[in-house]
C-alpha atoms as a PDB file:
ATOM      1  CA  MET A   1       4.217  21.507  46.831  1.00  0.00           C
ATOM      2  CA  TYR A   2       3.398  24.395  49.080  1.00  0.00           C
ATOM      3  CA  PHE A   3       6.214  25.106  51.472  1.00  0.00           C
ATOM      4  CA  GLU A   4       5.959  27.495  54.388  1.00  0.00           C
ATOM      5  CA  GLN A   5       6.069  30.894  52.702  1.00  0.00           C
ATOM      6  CA  ASN A   6       3.940  32.672  55.289  1.00  0.00           C
ATOM      7  CA  ASP A   7       6.692  35.173  56.130  1.00  0.00           C
ATOM      8  CA  PHE A   8       6.815  36.481  52.562  1.00  0.00           C
ATOM      9  CA  GLU A   9       4.472  38.839  50.728  1.00  0.00           C
ATOM     10  CA  ILE A  10       5.195  37.192  47.363  1.00  0.00           C
ATOM     11  CA  LYS A  11       4.859  33.419  47.138  1.00  0.00           C
ATOM     12  CA  CYS A  12       5.975  31.267  44.217  1.00  0.00           C
ATOM     13  CA  GLU A  13       4.796  27.814  43.215  1.00  0.00           C
ATOM     14  CA  TRP A  14       4.761  25.478  40.247  1.00  0.00           C
ATOM     15  CA  GLY A  15       1.922  23.840  38.331  1.00  0.00           C
ATOM     16  CA  LYS A  16      -1.715  23.173  39.046  1.00  0.00           C
ATOM     17  CA  GLN A  17      -1.111  21.898  42.571  1.00  0.00           C
ATOM     18  CA  GLY A  18       0.784  25.085  43.398  1.00  0.00           C
ATOM     19  CA  VAL A  19      -2.158  27.203  42.260  1.00  0.00           C
ATOM     20  CA  LEU A  20      -4.563  25.081  44.294  1.00  0.00           C
ATOM     21  CA  GLN A  21      -2.387  25.479  47.390  1.00  0.00           C
ATOM     22  CA  LEU A  22      -1.833  29.222  47.039  1.00  0.00           C
ATOM     23  CA  ALA A  23      -5.329  30.258  45.927  1.00  0.00           C
ATOM     24  CA  PRO A  24      -6.878  30.149  49.414  1.00  0.00           C
ATOM     25  CA  VAL A  25      -4.124  32.340  50.918  1.00  0.00           C
ATOM     26  CA  SER A  26      -3.598  34.776  48.018  1.00  0.00           C
ATOM     27  CA  ASP A  27      -5.299  37.974  46.925  1.00  0.00           C
ATOM     28  CA  VAL A  28      -3.832  37.737  43.417  1.00  0.00           C
ATOM     29  CA  ILE A  29      -2.299  34.877  41.427  1.00  0.00           C
ATOM     30  CA  VAL A  30      -0.126  35.539  38.376  1.00  0.00           C
ATOM     31  CA  ILE A  31       0.510  32.642  36.003  1.00  0.00           C
ATOM     32  CA  VAL A  32       3.685  32.863  33.923  1.00  0.00           C
ATOM     33  CA  ASP A  33       3.824  30.468  31.013  1.00  0.00           C
ATOM     34  CA  VAL A  34       7.393  31.058  29.891  1.00  0.00           C
ATOM     35  CA  LEU A  35       8.335  27.491  29.035  1.00  0.00           C
ATOM     36  CA  SER A  36       5.497  26.986  26.566  1.00  0.00           C
ATOM     37  CA  PHE A  37       6.230  30.325  24.937  1.00  0.00           C
ATOM     38  CA  SER A  38       9.933  29.530  24.656  1.00  0.00           C
ATOM     39  CA  THR A  39       9.144  26.137  23.153  1.00  0.00           C
ATOM     40  CA  CYS A  40       6.804  27.701  20.573  1.00  0.00           C
ATOM     41  CA  ILE A  41       9.450  30.254  19.603  1.00  0.00           C
ATOM     42  CA  GLU A  42      12.103  27.543  19.231  1.00  0.00           C
ATOM     43  CA  ILE A  43       9.847  25.391  17.060  1.00  0.00           C
ATOM     44  CA  ALA A  44       8.839  28.355  14.902  1.00  0.00           C
ATOM     45  CA  ASN A  45      12.449  29.525  14.480  1.00  0.00           C
ATOM     46  CA  SER A  46      13.671  26.040  13.622  1.00  0.00           C
ATOM     47  CA  ARG A  47      11.093  25.984  10.805  1.00  0.00           C
ATOM     48  CA  GLY A  48      12.210  29.320   9.396  1.00  0.00           C
ATOM     49  CA  ALA A  49       9.703  31.677  11.016  1.00  0.00           C
ATOM     50  CA  ILE A  50      10.692  35.191  12.026  1.00  0.00           C
ATOM     51  CA  ILE A  51       9.329  36.269  15.409  1.00  0.00           C
ATOM     52  CA  LEU A  52       8.593  39.951  16.059  1.00  0.00           C
ATOM     53  CA  LEU A  53       8.075  40.975  19.674  1.00  0.00           C
END
């Protein structure tokens, strides 16, 4: 949930509810989807794929 982050220029939140809470008070929202990416890499590697970044 949205906790008082008014004193900070950069605010961090989690999930859809976080986006909904921060959207009205933010000029820009950046979504980082690291967990899904990491999971995809792990699954691909465990099946023999080679990942090039």
